[in-house]
Amino acid sequence: MNPQTLCLFHAPEDRFRLTVGEEKSYVTVKPVWSAPLSHPGRYLSLVDGKGEEIVMLADPKELPAESHRSLELELKRRYLTSTILSIDHAKVEFGATYWTVRTDRGSRDFVTQSLQENAQWLGENHLLLVDVDGNRFEIPDVTALDETSRHFVETIL
């Protein structure tokens, strides 16, 4: 599918939509990165409300300018990431990890399941945690954390 035939927009403001040329419209669309770690910024899947793929974009920058702006806004909403500044408490119970942290957006309590899948090392000291609701929390440099916070990371991971 030619990316130039895709029109992505918000209507109403909180609903992301897609129109494909004169052929078809989708009232609910979600952008999903297919390979966010190995190919950042490339291979974006647009899925419908049922989670079925509509189209895969090898390079989202090939979209028309207005569609690309709408897509960027939706991606910022969908992939909002908080930066963890310190870890006040963390404990593991029955396979779930309960975190109390301070982030760049304030204090947060969240739960992660299956750390093998939901704790990703993006570099030697760069850690990404994804909670049960899909929220993303990153620690850009674990070694820069205070001693207590580092202890929680080392003990749990």
Foldseek 3Di string as FASTA:
>chain_A
DQLAQWAWDDVPPVAIKIDGHPPDIARHWAWDAPCCQPDNQAWIFIAGPVRHTPDTGRHLVSHPPNRSVRVVVRCCVLAPEWEFQAWPDWDDDPQKIWTWTQTPVGIDIFIAGDCVPAWDDSDPAKIWGAGPVRYIYIHGGLVPHDPVRVVVVVVPD
